[in-house]
Amino acid sequence: MERTDTPFWNYFCQISDSTTSYGSYSGAVPNEKITRGKLDIDTPKFVIESDATIVAPLIFAYLLDM
């Protein structure tokens, strides 16, 4: 199923408290998504190493308040 018409993601943000390692989805670094054809090399990529139950509500509150 090689689809060539699937667009890249516009940006990537990951909130994770798992150890970064190749082969595990939760700890996969953004560069691994480049090799899988989901991100372009120039796609903005952000990795927040923290507990998502703390960080996500803060980010969402900020974004919804804009």
N, C-alpha and C. Protein backbone atom coordinates (compact mmCIF):
# COMPACT_ATOMS: atom_id res chain seq x y z
N MET A 1 0.83 -1.19 0.00
CA MET A 1 0.00 0.00 0.00
C MET A 1 0.86 1.24 0.00
N GLU A 2 1.63 1.42 -1.00
CA GLU A 2 2.44 2.62 -1.13
C GLU A 2 1.59 3.72 -1.74
N ARG A 3 1.09 4.61 -0.90
CA ARG A 3 0.31 5.76 -1.38
C ARG A 3 1.25 6.93 -1.55
N THR A 4 1.23 7.53 -2.71
CA THR A 4 2.11 8.65 -2.98
C THR A 4 1.40 9.99 -2.84
N ASP A 5 0.08 9.97 -2.69
CA ASP A 5 -0.68 11.21 -2.63
C ASP A 5 -1.04 11.63 -1.21
N THR A 6 -0.49 10.98 -0.21
CA THR A 6 -0.77 11.31 1.17
C THR A 6 0.11 12.49 1.60
N PRO A 7 -0.49 13.58 2.06
CA PRO A 7 0.33 14.74 2.44
C PRO A 7 1.08 14.52 3.75
N PHE A 8 2.20 15.24 3.90
CA PHE A 8 2.93 15.21 5.17
C PHE A 8 2.13 15.96 6.24
N TRP A 9 2.41 15.66 7.49
CA TRP A 9 1.82 16.41 8.59
C TRP A 9 2.38 17.82 8.56
N ASN A 10 1.59 18.83 8.97
CA ASN A 10 2.04 20.23 8.98
C ASN A 10 3.00 20.54 10.12
N TYR A 11 2.85 19.85 11.21
CA TYR A 11 3.74 20.02 12.36
C TYR A 11 3.64 18.75 13.20
N PHE A 12 4.54 18.62 14.15
CA PHE A 12 4.52 17.45 15.03
C PHE A 12 4.89 17.89 16.43
N CYS A 13 4.06 17.54 17.39
CA CYS A 13 4.34 17.80 18.79
C CYS A 13 4.09 16.53 19.58
N GLN A 14 5.05 16.13 20.35
CA GLN A 14 4.96 14.91 21.13
C GLN A 14 5.16 15.24 22.60
N ILE A 15 4.23 14.79 23.44
CA ILE A 15 4.38 14.89 24.88
C ILE A 15 4.57 13.47 25.38
N SER A 16 5.72 13.22 25.96
CA SER A 16 6.02 11.85 26.35
C SER A 16 6.92 11.82 27.56
N ASP A 17 6.64 10.88 28.45
CA ASP A 17 7.55 10.68 29.57
C ASP A 17 8.31 9.36 29.43
N SER A 18 8.14 8.70 28.27
CA SER A 18 8.85 7.44 28.05
C SER A 18 10.24 7.72 27.50
N THR A 19 11.10 6.78 27.68
CA THR A 19 12.46 6.89 27.21
C THR A 19 12.49 6.85 25.69
N THR A 20 13.21 7.76 25.10
CA THR A 20 13.33 7.80 23.65
C THR A 20 14.14 6.60 23.18
N SER A 21 13.54 5.83 22.28
CA SER A 21 14.24 4.69 21.71
C SER A 21 13.62 4.35 20.37
N TYR A 22 14.42 3.79 19.50
CA TYR A 22 13.91 3.38 18.21
C TYR A 22 13.18 2.05 18.36
N GLY A 23 12.06 1.91 17.67
CA GLY A 23 11.31 0.67 17.70
C GLY A 23 10.08 0.72 18.58
N SER A 24 10.00 1.66 19.51
CA SER A 24 8.79 1.77 20.34
C SER A 24 8.03 3.01 19.90
N TYR A 25 6.74 2.89 19.72
CA TYR A 25 5.95 4.01 19.21
C TYR A 25 5.93 5.17 20.19
N SER A 26 5.72 4.90 21.47
CA SER A 26 5.57 6.00 22.42
C SER A 26 6.85 6.78 22.62
N GLY A 27 7.98 6.14 22.44
CA GLY A 27 9.24 6.83 22.64
C GLY A 27 9.97 7.15 21.35
N ALA A 28 9.32 6.96 20.21
CA ALA A 28 9.98 7.18 18.93
C ALA A 28 10.24 8.67 18.72
N VAL A 29 11.43 8.96 18.25
CA VAL A 29 11.80 10.35 17.99
C VAL A 29 11.15 10.81 16.69
N PRO A 30 10.96 12.14 16.51
CA PRO A 30 10.33 12.64 15.28
C PRO A 30 11.05 12.21 14.00
N ASN A 31 12.36 12.07 14.05
CA ASN A 31 13.09 11.67 12.85
C ASN A 31 12.66 10.29 12.35
N GLU A 32 12.19 9.44 13.24
CA GLU A 32 11.70 8.13 12.81
C GLU A 32 10.44 8.29 11.95
N LYS A 33 9.65 9.32 12.21
CA LYS A 33 8.45 9.56 11.41
C LYS A 33 8.81 10.10 10.02
N ILE A 34 9.99 10.69 9.88
CA ILE A 34 10.47 11.11 8.56
C ILE A 34 10.71 9.88 7.70
N THR A 35 11.35 8.87 8.28
CA THR A 35 11.64 7.65 7.51
C THR A 35 10.38 6.88 7.16
N ARG A 36 9.30 7.08 7.91
CA ARG A 36 8.04 6.40 7.62
C ARG A 36 7.13 7.21 6.70
N GLY A 37 7.61 8.38 6.26
CA GLY A 37 6.87 9.18 5.30
C GLY A 37 5.74 10.00 5.89
N LYS A 38 5.77 10.26 7.20
CA LYS A 38 4.72 11.07 7.83
C LYS A 38 5.13 12.53 7.95
N LEU A 39 6.43 12.77 8.13
CA LEU A 39 6.95 14.13 8.28
C LEU A 39 7.99 14.40 7.22
N ASP A 40 8.05 15.66 6.78
CA ASP A 40 9.11 16.10 5.90
C ASP A 40 10.29 16.54 6.78
N ILE A 41 11.45 16.58 6.23
CA ILE A 41 12.63 16.96 7.01
C ILE A 41 12.52 18.40 7.53
N ASP A 42 11.73 19.25 6.85
CA ASP A 42 11.56 20.64 7.27
C ASP A 42 10.32 20.88 8.13
N THR A 43 9.58 19.84 8.44
CA THR A 43 8.38 19.97 9.28
C THR A 43 8.79 20.42 10.68
N PRO A 44 8.11 21.45 11.24
CA PRO A 44 8.41 21.84 12.63
C PRO A 44 8.12 20.68 13.58
N LYS A 45 9.09 20.36 14.44
CA LYS A 45 8.97 19.23 15.35
C LYS A 45 9.26 19.68 16.78
N PHE A 46 8.39 19.30 17.70
CA PHE A 46 8.54 19.67 19.10
C PHE A 46 8.38 18.43 19.95
N VAL A 47 9.28 18.22 20.88
CA VAL A 47 9.17 17.10 21.82
C VAL A 47 9.20 17.68 23.22
N ILE A 48 8.15 17.41 23.98
CA ILE A 48 8.06 17.87 25.36
C ILE A 48 8.20 16.64 26.25
N GLU A 49 9.27 16.59 27.00
CA GLU A 49 9.52 15.44 27.86
C GLU A 49 8.95 15.72 29.24
N SER A 50 7.72 15.28 29.44
CA SER A 50 7.02 15.50 30.70
C SER A 50 5.80 14.60 30.74
N ASP A 51 5.07 14.69 31.82
CA ASP A 51 3.83 13.94 31.97
C ASP A 51 2.71 14.65 31.22
N ALA A 52 2.09 13.96 30.29
CA ALA A 52 1.04 14.56 29.45
C ALA A 52 -0.17 15.01 30.27
N THR A 53 -0.44 14.38 31.40
CA THR A 53 -1.60 14.77 32.21
C THR A 53 -1.38 16.14 32.86
N ILE A 54 -0.14 16.59 32.92
CA ILE A 54 0.16 17.92 33.45
C ILE A 54 0.30 18.93 32.31
N VAL A 55 1.06 18.57 31.29
CA VAL A 55 1.40 19.50 30.22
C VAL A 55 0.23 19.75 29.26
N ALA A 56 -0.46 18.71 28.84
CA ALA A 56 -1.53 18.86 27.84
C ALA A 56 -2.62 19.85 28.29
N PRO A 57 -3.15 19.76 29.51
CA PRO A 57 -4.16 20.74 29.91
C PRO A 57 -3.64 22.18 29.90
N LEU A 58 -2.37 22.38 30.24
CA LEU A 58 -1.80 23.73 30.19
C LEU A 58 -1.73 24.24 28.76
N ILE A 59 -1.30 23.40 27.85
CA ILE A 59 -1.22 23.81 26.44
C ILE A 59 -2.60 24.08 25.89
N PHE A 60 -3.56 23.18 26.15
CA PHE A 60 -4.92 23.36 25.62
C PHE A 60 -5.58 24.62 26.20
N ALA A 61 -5.36 24.88 27.48
CA ALA A 61 -5.92 26.09 28.09
C ALA A 61 -5.35 27.34 27.43
N TYR A 62 -4.07 27.31 27.16
CA TYR A 62 -3.43 28.45 26.49
C TYR A 62 -3.99 28.64 25.08
N LEU A 63 -4.07 27.56 24.32
CA LEU A 63 -4.55 27.65 22.94
C LEU A 63 -6.02 28.07 22.87
N LEU A 64 -6.84 27.58 23.78
CA LEU A 64 -8.27 27.93 23.76
C LEU A 64 -8.52 29.35 24.25
N ASP A 65 -7.55 29.91 24.97
CA ASP A 65 -7.68 31.26 25.50
C ASP A 65 -7.20 32.32 24.52
N MET A 66 -6.58 31.91 23.44
CA MET A 66 -6.00 32.86 22.47
C MET A 66 -7.07 33.64 21.76
